[in-house]
Amino acid sequence: MAMSHNGLLQRWMVEVNPRFKTTMVTSTVIVLVAAFLSRDKIANMVIICDLLAFTLIYGDVLLPRWSQPDLTRSFHCPGGSPVYLP
């Protein structure tokens, strides 16, 4: 429900079922995907989506370091940076 508060998901997508306390729309989508796809295809989709998410986060971390190198950083790695970033 936190994603609906900041606008990442629409409010109707995260309506909670009063009896089971689960989201109705996303639970329905998950059931339909599980019903029509094999376990191997679902596993491959999960792996590809994880790889995409890690790649996007990695890019989001490095982009400000390259585009704004003089910006003060609020967090510093204890013991120094283990990786050299030009």
C-alpha atoms as a PDB file:
ATOM      1  CA  MET A   1       0.000   0.000   0.000  1.00  0.00           C
ATOM      2  CA  ALA A   2       2.952   2.316   0.405  1.00  0.00           C
ATOM      3  CA  MET A   3       3.427   2.443  -3.368  1.00  0.00           C
ATOM      4  CA  SER A   4      -0.114   3.726  -3.817  1.00  0.00           C
ATOM      5  CA  HIS A   5       0.542   6.578  -1.375  1.00  0.00           C
ATOM      6  CA  ASN A   6       3.401   7.991  -3.443  1.00  0.00           C
ATOM      7  CA  GLY A   7       1.691   7.352  -6.792  1.00  0.00           C
ATOM      8  CA  LEU A   8       3.700   4.386  -8.119  1.00  0.00           C
ATOM      9  CA  LEU A   9       0.555   2.250  -8.211  1.00  0.00           C
ATOM     10  CA  GLN A  10      -3.015   3.304  -8.665  1.00  0.00           C
ATOM     11  CA  ARG A  11      -5.237   3.226  -5.589  1.00  0.00           C
ATOM     12  CA  TRP A  12      -7.558   0.575  -7.116  1.00  0.00           C
ATOM     13  CA  MET A  13      -4.631  -1.807  -7.647  1.00  0.00           C
ATOM     14  CA  VAL A  14      -3.924  -2.052  -3.925  1.00  0.00           C
ATOM     15  CA  GLU A  15      -7.406  -2.387  -2.487  1.00  0.00           C
ATOM     16  CA  VAL A  16      -7.252  -4.861   0.378  1.00  0.00           C
ATOM     17  CA  ASN A  17      -9.736  -7.703   0.704  1.00  0.00           C
ATOM     18  CA  PRO A  18     -11.384  -7.257   4.126  1.00  0.00           C
ATOM     19  CA  ARG A  19     -11.618 -11.004   4.794  1.00  0.00           C
ATOM     20  CA  PHE A  20      -8.157 -12.223   3.694  1.00  0.00           C
ATOM     21  CA  LYS A  21      -6.213  -8.944   4.110  1.00  0.00           C
ATOM     22  CA  THR A  22      -4.552  -9.359   0.704  1.00  0.00           C
ATOM     23  CA  THR A  23      -4.552  -7.113  -2.351  1.00  0.00           C
ATOM     24  CA  MET A  24      -7.202  -8.276  -4.775  1.00  0.00           C
ATOM     25  CA  VAL A  25      -5.921  -7.101  -8.164  1.00  0.00           C
ATOM     26  CA  THR A  26      -2.297  -8.117  -7.711  1.00  0.00           C
ATOM     27  CA  SER A  27      -3.313 -11.466  -6.206  1.00  0.00           C
ATOM     28  CA  THR A  28      -5.555 -12.116  -9.213  1.00  0.00           C
ATOM     29  CA  VAL A  29      -2.740 -11.281 -11.629  1.00  0.00           C
ATOM     30  CA  ILE A  30      -0.359 -13.615  -9.792  1.00  0.00           C
ATOM     31  CA  VAL A  31      -2.904 -16.450  -9.858  1.00  0.00           C
ATOM     32  CA  LEU A  32      -3.489 -15.985 -13.600  1.00  0.00           C
ATOM     33  CA  VAL A  33       0.228 -15.954 -14.374  1.00  0.00           C
ATOM     34  CA  ALA A  34       0.768 -19.073 -12.278  1.00  0.00           C
ATOM     35  CA  ALA A  35      -2.160 -20.831 -13.936  1.00  0.00           C
ATOM     36  CA  PHE A  36      -1.086 -20.265 -17.530  1.00  0.00           C
ATOM     37  CA  LEU A  37       2.719 -20.334 -17.412  1.00  0.00           C
ATOM     38  CA  SER A  38       5.042 -23.167 -16.542  1.00  0.00           C
ATOM     39  CA  ARG A  39       7.302 -23.039 -13.519  1.00  0.00           C
ATOM     40  CA  ASP A  40      10.378 -22.728 -15.763  1.00  0.00           C
ATOM     41  CA  LYS A  41       9.000 -19.675 -17.571  1.00  0.00           C
ATOM     42  CA  ILE A  42       8.078 -17.997 -14.291  1.00  0.00           C
ATOM     43  CA  ALA A  43      11.556 -18.708 -12.907  1.00  0.00           C
ATOM     44  CA  ASN A  44      13.167 -17.221 -16.022  1.00  0.00           C
ATOM     45  CA  MET A  45      10.973 -14.108 -15.785  1.00  0.00           C
ATOM     46  CA  VAL A  46      11.929 -13.655 -12.119  1.00  0.00           C
ATOM     47  CA  ILE A  47      15.634 -13.975 -12.921  1.00  0.00           C
ATOM     48  CA  ILE A  48      15.422 -11.510 -15.819  1.00  0.00           C
ATOM     49  CA  CYS A  49      13.418  -9.004 -13.759  1.00  0.00           C
ATOM     50  CA  ASP A  50      15.903  -9.251 -10.873  1.00  0.00           C
ATOM     51  CA  LEU A  51      18.788  -8.651 -13.256  1.00  0.00           C
ATOM     52  CA  LEU A  52      16.984  -5.654 -14.750  1.00  0.00           C
ATOM     53  CA  ALA A  53      16.225  -4.212 -11.316  1.00  0.00           C
ATOM     54  CA  PHE A  54      19.836  -4.563 -10.129  1.00  0.00           C
ATOM     55  CA  THR A  55      21.096  -3.006 -13.377  1.00  0.00           C
ATOM     56  CA  LEU A  56      18.758  -0.019 -13.048  1.00  0.00           C
ATOM     57  CA  ILE A  57      19.711   0.524  -9.402  1.00  0.00           C
ATOM     58  CA  TYR A  58      23.411   0.247 -10.241  1.00  0.00           C
ATOM     59  CA  GLY A  59      22.950   2.868 -12.960  1.00  0.00           C
ATOM     60  CA  ASP A  60      21.007   5.129 -10.604  1.00  0.00           C
ATOM     61  CA  VAL A  61      23.860   4.994  -8.101  1.00  0.00           C
ATOM     62  CA  LEU A  62      26.643   5.622 -10.601  1.00  0.00           C
ATOM     63  CA  LEU A  63      24.972   8.284 -12.753  1.00  0.00           C
ATOM     64  CA  PRO A  64      25.120  11.061 -10.123  1.00  0.00           C
ATOM     65  CA  ARG A  65      28.747  10.174  -9.376  1.00  0.00           C
ATOM     66  CA  TRP A  66      29.673  10.758 -13.010  1.00  0.00           C
ATOM     67  CA  SER A  67      27.386  13.702 -13.749  1.00  0.00           C
ATOM     68  CA  GLN A  68      27.972  15.556 -10.432  1.00  0.00           C
ATOM     69  CA  PRO A  69      31.387  14.500  -9.096  1.00  0.00           C
ATOM     70  CA  ASP A  70      31.734  17.517  -6.761  1.00  0.00           C
ATOM     71  CA  LEU A  71      28.459  16.874  -4.949  1.00  0.00           C
ATOM     72  CA  THR A  72      28.887  16.184  -1.243  1.00  0.00           C
ATOM     73  CA  ARG A  73      27.941  12.613  -0.318  1.00  0.00           C
ATOM     74  CA  SER A  74      26.114  12.000   2.932  1.00  0.00           C
ATOM     75  CA  PHE A  75      27.320   8.397   3.246  1.00  0.00           C
ATOM     76  CA  HIS A  76      30.907   7.180   3.109  1.00  0.00           C
ATOM     77  CA  CYS A  77      31.952   3.543   3.151  1.00  0.00           C
ATOM     78  CA  PRO A  78      33.637   2.700   6.476  1.00  0.00           C
ATOM     79  CA  GLY A  79      37.314   1.934   5.906  1.00  0.00           C
ATOM     80  CA  GLY A  80      37.402   3.635   2.502  1.00  0.00           C
ATOM     81  CA  SER A  81      35.943   2.721  -0.848  1.00  0.00           C
ATOM     82  CA  PRO A  82      36.614  -0.912  -1.801  1.00  0.00           C
ATOM     83  CA  VAL A  83      36.099  -0.091  -5.504  1.00  0.00           C
ATOM     84  CA  TYR A  84      37.755   2.682  -7.475  1.00  0.00           C
ATOM     85  CA  LEU A  85      35.162   4.839  -9.239  1.00  0.00           C
ATOM     86  CA  PRO A  86      36.646   7.452 -11.592  1.00  0.00           C
END
